[in-house]
């Protein structure tokens, strides 16, 4: 059974993962408004991945005999200057997610809650991948900023992205 403090932190993360999904849908809508459907696809897939993360935490709470408390999801930002700004904000968002996961890991470690630490190790590894993806794409879109042909080539590349739940999840 989880302590009240740890249960609250994980519940908060469930809700934040749903907010993250909503945030990426807003980014997809912005990309779509620029006729960048491949970028929109990237963010739609990202939104789907965040839902997967939310449900991974959700299921874990019940596995540990807790109760999920869903809260109202805040409206995501829709104020973007351009596609570079979207990726900059996406990268910053992933860094925020990482810091939140670390805080939960600190609580689990302090409480010697080994099962939760095992779960969080998966998320910590996932966040390394998430931050790297956004950082890499941010660098690419910056290089494409004054080159529409390169931007559309990257758009085509991102159109191929699909979500496949990880086998190790």
N, C-alpha and C. Protein backbone atom coordinates (compact mmCIF):
# COMPACT_ATOMS: atom_id res chain seq x y z
N UNK A 1 0.84 -1.18 0.00
CA UNK A 1 0.00 0.00 0.00
C UNK A 1 0.89 1.25 0.00
N UNK A 2 0.46 2.24 -0.72
CA UNK A 2 1.21 3.49 -0.83
C UNK A 2 0.89 4.43 0.31
N UNK A 3 1.87 5.19 0.74
CA UNK A 3 1.61 6.22 1.74
C UNK A 3 0.72 7.30 1.11
N UNK A 4 0.08 8.08 1.95
CA UNK A 4 -0.77 9.17 1.44
C UNK A 4 0.05 10.15 0.59
N UNK A 5 1.26 10.44 1.03
CA UNK A 5 2.12 11.39 0.31
C UNK A 5 2.49 10.85 -1.07
N UNK A 6 2.87 9.59 -1.14
CA UNK A 6 3.26 9.00 -2.42
C UNK A 6 2.05 8.82 -3.33
N UNK A 7 0.93 8.38 -2.75
CA UNK A 7 -0.30 8.23 -3.54
C UNK A 7 -0.71 9.57 -4.14
N UNK A 8 -0.63 10.64 -3.38
CA UNK A 8 -0.99 11.96 -3.90
C UNK A 8 -0.05 12.37 -5.04
N UNK A 9 1.23 12.13 -4.86
CA UNK A 9 2.21 12.50 -5.90
C UNK A 9 1.94 11.73 -7.19
N UNK A 10 1.63 10.45 -7.08
CA UNK A 10 1.37 9.66 -8.29
C UNK A 10 0.04 10.07 -8.91
N UNK A 11 -0.97 10.32 -8.08
CA UNK A 11 -2.24 10.82 -8.61
C UNK A 11 -2.05 12.15 -9.34
N UNK A 12 -1.26 13.03 -8.75
CA UNK A 12 -0.97 14.31 -9.41
C UNK A 12 -0.32 14.07 -10.77
N UNK A 13 0.55 13.06 -10.83
CA UNK A 13 1.22 12.76 -12.10
C UNK A 13 0.26 12.17 -13.12
N UNK A 14 -0.69 11.36 -12.68
CA UNK A 14 -1.73 10.86 -13.60
C UNK A 14 -2.39 12.05 -14.28
N UNK A 15 -2.81 13.00 -13.48
CA UNK A 15 -3.50 14.17 -14.01
C UNK A 15 -2.58 15.01 -14.89
N UNK A 16 -1.30 15.11 -14.52
CA UNK A 16 -0.36 15.88 -15.32
C UNK A 16 -0.10 15.21 -16.66
N UNK A 17 -0.10 13.89 -16.68
CA UNK A 17 0.08 13.17 -17.95
C UNK A 17 -1.12 13.41 -18.88
N UNK A 18 -2.32 13.47 -18.31
CA UNK A 18 -3.49 13.83 -19.13
C UNK A 18 -3.35 15.26 -19.65
N UNK A 19 -2.88 16.16 -18.80
CA UNK A 19 -2.63 17.54 -19.23
C UNK A 19 -1.57 17.57 -20.34
N UNK A 20 -0.54 16.76 -20.21
CA UNK A 20 0.51 16.69 -21.23
C UNK A 20 -0.09 16.26 -22.57
N UNK A 21 -0.98 15.29 -22.53
CA UNK A 21 -1.63 14.85 -23.76
C UNK A 21 -2.41 16.00 -24.39
N UNK A 22 -3.13 16.72 -23.58
CA UNK A 22 -3.90 17.87 -24.03
C UNK A 22 -2.98 18.95 -24.60
N UNK A 23 -1.85 19.15 -23.97
CA UNK A 23 -0.86 20.12 -24.44
C UNK A 23 -0.36 19.75 -25.83
N UNK A 24 -0.06 18.46 -26.03
CA UNK A 24 0.44 18.04 -27.33
C UNK A 24 -0.65 18.08 -28.40
N UNK A 25 -1.90 17.89 -28.02
CA UNK A 25 -2.99 18.07 -28.99
C UNK A 25 -3.08 19.53 -29.43
N UNK A 26 -2.86 20.45 -28.49
CA UNK A 26 -2.87 21.87 -28.84
C UNK A 26 -1.72 22.18 -29.80
N UNK A 27 -0.57 21.56 -29.57
CA UNK A 27 0.57 21.76 -30.47
C UNK A 27 0.27 21.16 -31.85
N UNK A 28 -0.41 20.03 -31.87
CA UNK A 28 -0.81 19.41 -33.14
C UNK A 28 -1.74 20.35 -33.91
N UNK A 29 -2.68 20.94 -33.20
CA UNK A 29 -3.62 21.86 -33.85
C UNK A 29 -2.88 23.06 -34.43
N UNK A 30 -1.89 23.57 -33.70
CA UNK A 30 -1.11 24.70 -34.21
C UNK A 30 -0.37 24.29 -35.48
N UNK A 31 0.29 23.13 -35.45
CA UNK A 31 1.02 22.65 -36.63
C UNK A 31 0.07 22.46 -37.81
N UNK A 32 -1.09 21.91 -37.53
CA UNK A 32 -2.09 21.72 -38.60
C UNK A 32 -2.49 23.06 -39.20
N UNK A 33 -2.61 24.08 -38.36
CA UNK A 33 -2.99 25.41 -38.86
C UNK A 33 -1.93 26.01 -39.78
N UNK A 34 -0.71 25.50 -39.71
CA UNK A 34 0.39 25.95 -40.57
C UNK A 34 0.54 25.05 -41.80
N UNK A 35 -0.41 24.14 -41.98
CA UNK A 35 -0.34 23.15 -43.07
C UNK A 35 0.87 22.24 -42.94
N UNK A 36 1.25 21.95 -41.72
CA UNK A 36 2.35 21.03 -41.44
C UNK A 36 1.77 19.75 -40.82
N UNK A 37 1.11 18.98 -41.66
CA UNK A 37 0.38 17.81 -41.16
C UNK A 37 1.31 16.74 -40.60
N UNK A 38 2.54 16.67 -41.08
CA UNK A 38 3.49 15.71 -40.51
C UNK A 38 3.87 16.08 -39.08
N UNK A 39 4.10 17.37 -38.85
CA UNK A 39 4.37 17.85 -37.50
C UNK A 39 3.14 17.61 -36.62
N UNK A 40 1.96 17.87 -37.18
CA UNK A 40 0.72 17.62 -36.43
C UNK A 40 0.64 16.16 -36.03
N UNK A 41 0.99 15.27 -36.96
CA UNK A 41 0.99 13.84 -36.66
C UNK A 41 1.96 13.53 -35.52
N UNK A 42 3.15 14.11 -35.56
CA UNK A 42 4.12 13.90 -34.49
C UNK A 42 3.50 14.22 -33.13
N UNK A 43 2.83 15.38 -33.05
CA UNK A 43 2.25 15.80 -31.77
C UNK A 43 1.02 14.97 -31.38
N UNK A 44 0.26 14.52 -32.37
CA UNK A 44 -0.88 13.64 -32.06
C UNK A 44 -0.37 12.32 -31.48
N UNK A 45 0.68 11.78 -32.07
CA UNK A 45 1.29 10.55 -31.55
C UNK A 45 1.84 10.80 -30.15
N UNK A 46 2.44 11.96 -29.95
CA UNK A 46 2.97 12.32 -28.62
C UNK A 46 1.83 12.37 -27.61
N UNK A 47 0.70 12.93 -28.02
CA UNK A 47 -0.48 12.99 -27.13
C UNK A 47 -0.93 11.58 -26.75
N UNK A 48 -0.92 10.68 -27.71
CA UNK A 48 -1.31 9.29 -27.46
C UNK A 48 -0.33 8.62 -26.48
N UNK A 49 0.93 8.92 -26.65
CA UNK A 49 1.95 8.37 -25.75
C UNK A 49 1.74 8.86 -24.32
N UNK A 50 1.38 10.12 -24.16
CA UNK A 50 1.14 10.67 -22.82
C UNK A 50 -0.07 10.01 -22.17
N UNK A 51 -1.08 9.68 -22.96
CA UNK A 51 -2.23 8.94 -22.42
C UNK A 51 -1.79 7.56 -21.93
N UNK A 52 -0.91 6.93 -22.68
CA UNK A 52 -0.36 5.63 -22.26
C UNK A 52 0.36 5.78 -20.92
N UNK A 53 1.15 6.85 -20.78
CA UNK A 53 1.86 7.10 -19.52
C UNK A 53 0.87 7.30 -18.37
N UNK A 54 -0.17 8.10 -18.63
CA UNK A 54 -1.17 8.34 -17.59
C UNK A 54 -1.79 7.02 -17.12
N UNK A 55 -2.12 6.17 -18.08
CA UNK A 55 -2.77 4.91 -17.73
C UNK A 55 -1.80 3.94 -17.04
N UNK A 56 -0.53 4.05 -17.33
CA UNK A 56 0.47 3.22 -16.63
C UNK A 56 0.49 3.59 -15.14
N UNK A 57 0.48 4.88 -14.85
CA UNK A 57 0.40 5.32 -13.45
C UNK A 57 -0.95 4.95 -12.84
N UNK A 58 -2.02 5.15 -13.60
CA UNK A 58 -3.39 4.84 -13.18
C UNK A 58 -3.48 3.38 -12.73
N UNK A 59 -3.04 2.47 -13.61
CA UNK A 59 -3.08 1.04 -13.29
C UNK A 59 -2.24 0.71 -12.07
N UNK A 60 -1.08 1.35 -11.95
CA UNK A 60 -0.19 1.09 -10.83
C UNK A 60 -0.86 1.45 -9.50
N UNK A 61 -1.56 2.57 -9.49
CA UNK A 61 -2.25 2.97 -8.25
C UNK A 61 -3.19 1.87 -7.79
N UNK A 62 -3.95 1.29 -8.72
CA UNK A 62 -4.88 0.22 -8.34
C UNK A 62 -4.14 -1.07 -7.97
N UNK A 63 -3.00 -1.33 -8.62
CA UNK A 63 -2.21 -2.51 -8.25
C UNK A 63 -1.72 -2.40 -6.81
N UNK A 64 -1.54 -1.17 -6.34
CA UNK A 64 -1.07 -0.94 -4.98
C UNK A 64 -2.23 -0.63 -4.03
N UNK A 65 -3.45 -0.98 -4.44
CA UNK A 65 -4.65 -0.85 -3.61
C UNK A 65 -4.97 0.60 -3.26
N UNK A 66 -4.66 1.49 -4.18
CA UNK A 66 -4.97 2.91 -3.98
C UNK A 66 -6.21 3.29 -4.79
N UNK A 67 -6.53 4.57 -4.74
CA UNK A 67 -7.67 5.09 -5.49
C UNK A 67 -7.20 6.25 -6.34
N UNK A 68 -7.56 6.21 -7.62
CA UNK A 68 -7.22 7.29 -8.55
C UNK A 68 -8.17 8.44 -8.32
N UNK A 69 -7.62 9.64 -8.28
CA UNK A 69 -8.43 10.85 -8.14
C UNK A 69 -8.19 11.72 -9.37
N UNK A 70 -9.15 11.72 -10.27
CA UNK A 70 -9.04 12.53 -11.47
C UNK A 70 -9.51 13.95 -11.18
N UNK A 71 -8.79 14.90 -11.74
CA UNK A 71 -9.10 16.31 -11.52
C UNK A 71 -9.34 17.01 -12.85
N UNK A 72 -9.79 18.22 -12.78
CA UNK A 72 -10.02 19.01 -13.97
C UNK A 72 -8.70 19.25 -14.69
N UNK A 73 -8.72 19.14 -16.01
CA UNK A 73 -7.52 19.38 -16.81
C UNK A 73 -7.51 20.84 -17.22
N UNK A 74 -6.40 21.50 -16.94
CA UNK A 74 -6.25 22.91 -17.29
C UNK A 74 -6.18 23.08 -18.80
N UNK A 75 -6.57 24.26 -19.26
CA UNK A 75 -6.46 24.58 -20.67
C UNK A 75 -4.99 24.72 -21.05
N UNK A 76 -4.57 24.05 -22.12
CA UNK A 76 -3.17 24.17 -22.53
C UNK A 76 -2.92 25.49 -23.25
N UNK A 77 -1.68 25.90 -23.27
CA UNK A 77 -1.30 27.10 -24.01
C UNK A 77 -1.49 26.85 -25.50
N UNK A 78 -1.91 27.87 -26.20
CA UNK A 78 -2.03 27.80 -27.66
C UNK A 78 -1.31 28.98 -28.28
N UNK A 79 -0.49 29.63 -27.50
CA UNK A 79 0.21 30.83 -27.92
C UNK A 79 1.62 30.47 -28.40
N UNK A 80 1.74 30.23 -29.70
CA UNK A 80 3.03 29.87 -30.29
C UNK A 80 3.36 30.85 -31.40
N UNK A 81 4.63 31.20 -31.50
CA UNK A 81 5.07 32.12 -32.56
C UNK A 81 5.23 31.39 -33.89
N UNK A 82 5.82 30.21 -33.81
CA UNK A 82 6.12 29.44 -35.01
C UNK A 82 6.43 28.01 -34.59
N UNK A 83 6.80 27.17 -35.57
CA UNK A 83 7.04 25.76 -35.26
C UNK A 83 8.27 25.58 -34.37
N UNK A 84 9.24 26.47 -34.47
CA UNK A 84 10.42 26.41 -33.58
C UNK A 84 9.97 26.62 -32.14
N UNK A 85 9.10 27.60 -31.92
CA UNK A 85 8.59 27.88 -30.58
C UNK A 85 7.83 26.69 -30.01
N UNK A 86 7.09 26.01 -30.86
CA UNK A 86 6.34 24.82 -30.42
C UNK A 86 7.31 23.76 -29.89
N UNK A 87 8.38 23.51 -30.63
CA UNK A 87 9.34 22.50 -30.19
C UNK A 87 10.13 22.96 -28.97
N UNK A 88 10.41 24.25 -28.88
CA UNK A 88 11.08 24.77 -27.69
C UNK A 88 10.20 24.54 -26.45
N UNK A 89 8.92 24.85 -26.59
CA UNK A 89 8.00 24.65 -25.47
C UNK A 89 7.78 23.17 -25.17
N UNK A 90 7.78 22.35 -26.22
CA UNK A 90 7.67 20.91 -26.02
C UNK A 90 8.86 20.36 -25.26
N UNK A 91 10.05 20.82 -25.62
CA UNK A 91 11.28 20.40 -24.94
C UNK A 91 11.23 20.83 -23.47
N UNK A 92 10.83 22.07 -23.22
CA UNK A 92 10.72 22.56 -21.85
C UNK A 92 9.68 21.76 -21.06
N UNK A 93 8.59 21.39 -21.74
CA UNK A 93 7.55 20.59 -21.07
C UNK A 93 8.11 19.23 -20.66
N UNK A 94 8.88 18.61 -21.54
CA UNK A 94 9.46 17.31 -21.19
C UNK A 94 10.45 17.43 -20.04
N UNK A 95 11.19 18.54 -19.99
CA UNK A 95 12.09 18.76 -18.85
C UNK A 95 11.29 18.89 -17.56
N UNK A 96 10.13 19.53 -17.63
CA UNK A 96 9.25 19.65 -16.46
C UNK A 96 8.74 18.27 -16.04
N UNK A 97 8.34 17.47 -17.00
CA UNK A 97 7.88 16.11 -16.68
C UNK A 97 9.00 15.34 -15.97
N UNK A 98 10.21 15.45 -16.49
CA UNK A 98 11.34 14.76 -15.86
C UNK A 98 11.52 15.20 -14.41
N UNK A 99 11.45 16.50 -14.17
CA UNK A 99 11.62 16.99 -12.79
C UNK A 99 10.51 16.47 -11.88
N UNK A 100 9.31 16.34 -12.41
CA UNK A 100 8.18 15.81 -11.62
C UNK A 100 8.40 14.33 -11.29
N UNK A 101 8.87 13.57 -12.27
CA UNK A 101 9.15 12.14 -12.05
C UNK A 101 10.25 11.99 -11.00
N UNK A 102 11.28 12.84 -11.09
CA UNK A 102 12.36 12.79 -10.10
C UNK A 102 11.84 13.06 -8.69
N UNK A 103 10.91 14.00 -8.56
CA UNK A 103 10.36 14.32 -7.22
C UNK A 103 9.60 13.12 -6.66
N UNK A 104 8.85 12.44 -7.53
CA UNK A 104 8.14 11.24 -7.07
C UNK A 104 9.16 10.16 -6.69
N UNK A 105 10.21 10.04 -7.47
CA UNK A 105 11.26 9.05 -7.18
C UNK A 105 11.94 9.37 -5.84
N UNK A 106 12.13 10.64 -5.55
CA UNK A 106 12.72 11.02 -4.27
C UNK A 106 11.82 10.58 -3.11
N UNK A 107 10.52 10.78 -3.25
CA UNK A 107 9.58 10.35 -2.21
C UNK A 107 9.64 8.83 -2.05
N UNK A 108 9.58 8.11 -3.18
CA UNK A 108 9.62 6.64 -3.13
C UNK A 108 10.92 6.15 -2.50
N UNK A 109 12.01 6.80 -2.84
CA UNK A 109 13.30 6.41 -2.27
C UNK A 109 13.34 6.66 -0.76
N UNK A 110 12.87 7.83 -0.35
CA UNK A 110 12.83 8.16 1.08
C UNK A 110 11.98 7.16 1.86
N UNK A 111 10.90 6.68 1.23
CA UNK A 111 9.98 5.76 1.89
C UNK A 111 10.37 4.29 1.68
N UNK A 112 11.45 4.08 0.94
CA UNK A 112 11.92 2.74 0.64
C UNK A 112 10.81 1.91 -0.01
N UNK A 113 10.08 2.56 -0.91
CA UNK A 113 8.98 1.93 -1.64
C UNK A 113 9.56 1.39 -2.95
N UNK A 114 10.10 0.18 -2.87
CA UNK A 114 10.88 -0.40 -3.96
C UNK A 114 10.05 -0.67 -5.22
N UNK A 115 8.82 -1.08 -5.07
CA UNK A 115 7.98 -1.35 -6.25
C UNK A 115 7.76 -0.06 -7.04
N UNK A 116 7.52 1.03 -6.32
CA UNK A 116 7.33 2.31 -6.99
C UNK A 116 8.62 2.78 -7.63
N UNK A 117 9.73 2.54 -6.97
CA UNK A 117 11.02 2.92 -7.55
C UNK A 117 11.25 2.15 -8.85
N UNK A 118 10.85 0.90 -8.90
CA UNK A 118 10.99 0.10 -10.12
C UNK A 118 10.14 0.70 -11.25
N UNK A 119 8.91 1.04 -10.95
CA UNK A 119 8.05 1.69 -11.93
C UNK A 119 8.68 2.99 -12.42
N UNK A 120 9.16 3.78 -11.49
CA UNK A 120 9.71 5.09 -11.85
C UNK A 120 11.00 4.98 -12.65
N UNK A 121 11.76 3.90 -12.45
CA UNK A 121 12.95 3.70 -13.28
C UNK A 121 12.58 3.61 -14.75
N UNK A 122 11.45 2.96 -15.05
CA UNK A 122 10.97 2.90 -16.44
C UNK A 122 10.69 4.31 -16.95
N UNK A 123 10.02 5.12 -16.13
CA UNK A 123 9.70 6.49 -16.54
C UNK A 123 10.95 7.36 -16.67
N UNK A 124 11.90 7.15 -15.79
CA UNK A 124 13.15 7.93 -15.88
C UNK A 124 13.86 7.62 -17.20
N UNK A 125 13.94 6.35 -17.55
CA UNK A 125 14.54 5.97 -18.84
C UNK A 125 13.73 6.56 -20.00
N UNK A 126 12.43 6.53 -19.88
CA UNK A 126 11.55 7.08 -20.92
C UNK A 126 11.79 8.58 -21.09
N UNK A 127 12.00 9.27 -19.99
CA UNK A 127 12.22 10.73 -20.06
C UNK A 127 13.54 11.08 -20.73
N UNK A 128 14.55 10.24 -20.58
CA UNK A 128 15.81 10.47 -21.31
C UNK A 128 15.50 10.47 -22.80
N UNK A 129 14.72 9.48 -23.23
CA UNK A 129 14.34 9.38 -24.64
C UNK A 129 13.48 10.57 -25.08
N UNK A 130 12.51 10.95 -24.25
CA UNK A 130 11.61 12.06 -24.60
C UNK A 130 12.38 13.37 -24.75
N UNK A 131 13.23 13.67 -23.79
CA UNK A 131 14.00 14.92 -23.86
C UNK A 131 14.93 14.90 -25.08
N UNK A 132 15.55 13.76 -25.34
CA UNK A 132 16.45 13.66 -26.49
C UNK A 132 15.68 13.86 -27.80
N UNK A 133 14.52 13.28 -27.91
CA UNK A 133 13.70 13.44 -29.12
C UNK A 133 13.38 14.91 -29.36
N UNK A 134 12.90 15.58 -28.32
CA UNK A 134 12.53 16.99 -28.48
C UNK A 134 13.74 17.87 -28.74
N UNK A 135 14.84 17.61 -28.06
CA UNK A 135 16.05 18.40 -28.27
C UNK A 135 16.56 18.23 -29.70
N UNK A 136 16.57 17.01 -30.17
CA UNK A 136 17.02 16.72 -31.53
C UNK A 136 16.12 17.40 -32.58
N UNK A 137 14.81 17.28 -32.39
CA UNK A 137 13.89 17.90 -33.35
C UNK A 137 13.94 19.43 -33.27
N UNK A 138 14.15 19.96 -32.07
CA UNK A 138 14.29 21.41 -31.93
C UNK A 138 15.49 21.90 -32.75
N UNK A 139 16.59 21.20 -32.66
CA UNK A 139 17.78 21.57 -33.43
C UNK A 139 17.49 21.50 -34.93
N UNK A 140 16.77 20.47 -35.35
CA UNK A 140 16.44 20.31 -36.77
C UNK A 140 15.53 21.43 -37.27
N UNK A 141 14.48 21.74 -36.49
CA UNK A 141 13.56 22.79 -36.97
C UNK A 141 14.25 24.15 -36.98
N UNK A 142 15.18 24.36 -36.07
CA UNK A 142 15.95 25.62 -36.11
C UNK A 142 16.78 25.71 -37.38
N UNK A 143 17.38 24.58 -37.78
CA UNK A 143 18.17 24.58 -39.02
C UNK A 143 17.28 24.77 -40.25
N UNK A 144 16.02 24.35 -40.16
CA UNK A 144 15.08 24.46 -41.28
C UNK A 144 14.37 25.81 -41.33
N UNK A 145 14.57 26.62 -40.32
CA UNK A 145 13.79 27.85 -40.14
C UNK A 145 13.71 28.71 -41.40
N UNK A 146 14.78 28.87 -42.11
CA UNK A 146 14.78 29.72 -43.32
C UNK A 146 14.88 28.90 -44.59
N UNK A 147 14.49 27.62 -44.50
CA UNK A 147 14.57 26.73 -45.64
C UNK A 147 13.27 25.93 -45.74
N UNK A 148 12.27 26.47 -46.43
CA UNK A 148 10.97 25.78 -46.51
C UNK A 148 11.07 24.36 -47.06
N UNK A 149 11.95 24.13 -48.02
CA UNK A 149 12.09 22.78 -48.58
C UNK A 149 12.53 21.79 -47.51
N UNK A 150 13.50 22.19 -46.70
CA UNK A 150 13.97 21.31 -45.61
C UNK A 150 12.86 21.10 -44.58
N UNK A 151 12.12 22.15 -44.29
CA UNK A 151 11.01 22.04 -43.33
C UNK A 151 9.98 21.02 -43.82
N UNK A 152 9.65 21.07 -45.10
CA UNK A 152 8.67 20.13 -45.64
C UNK A 152 9.23 18.71 -45.72
N UNK A 153 10.53 18.57 -45.90
CA UNK A 153 11.13 17.23 -45.84
C UNK A 153 11.02 16.66 -44.43
N UNK A 154 11.27 17.48 -43.43
CA UNK A 154 11.11 17.05 -42.05
C UNK A 154 9.64 16.76 -41.75
N UNK A 155 8.75 17.57 -42.29
CA UNK A 155 7.32 17.35 -42.14
C UNK A 155 6.94 15.96 -42.67
N UNK A 156 7.46 15.61 -43.85
CA UNK A 156 7.19 14.28 -44.42
C UNK A 156 7.73 13.18 -43.53
N UNK A 157 8.92 13.39 -42.97
CA UNK A 157 9.52 12.39 -42.08
C UNK A 157 8.64 12.17 -40.85
N UNK A 158 8.14 13.25 -40.27
CA UNK A 158 7.33 13.14 -39.05
C UNK A 158 5.94 12.57 -39.32
N UNK A 159 5.50 12.63 -40.56
CA UNK A 159 4.19 12.07 -40.92
C UNK A 159 4.17 10.55 -40.75
N UNK A 160 5.34 9.93 -40.77
CA UNK A 160 5.43 8.48 -40.67
C UNK A 160 5.41 7.95 -39.23
N UNK A 161 5.49 8.84 -38.26
CA UNK A 161 5.56 8.40 -36.86
C UNK A 161 4.24 7.75 -36.43
N UNK A 162 4.35 6.63 -35.73
CA UNK A 162 3.19 5.95 -35.16
C UNK A 162 3.49 5.61 -33.70
N UNK A 163 2.45 5.43 -32.94
CA UNK A 163 2.64 5.03 -31.54
C UNK A 163 2.50 3.53 -31.43
N UNK A 164 3.52 2.91 -30.90
CA UNK A 164 3.49 1.48 -30.58
C UNK A 164 3.84 1.35 -29.12
N UNK A 165 2.92 0.86 -28.30
CA UNK A 165 3.24 0.72 -26.88
C UNK A 165 4.51 -0.11 -26.69
N UNK A 166 5.41 0.34 -25.83
CA UNK A 166 6.67 -0.38 -25.64
C UNK A 166 6.44 -1.78 -25.06
N UNK A 167 7.21 -2.72 -25.54
CA UNK A 167 7.08 -4.11 -25.09
C UNK A 167 7.47 -4.25 -23.62
N UNK A 168 8.40 -3.40 -23.16
CA UNK A 168 8.88 -3.51 -21.78
C UNK A 168 8.01 -2.74 -20.79
N UNK A 169 6.89 -2.25 -21.25
CA UNK A 169 6.01 -1.48 -20.37
C UNK A 169 5.12 -2.40 -19.59
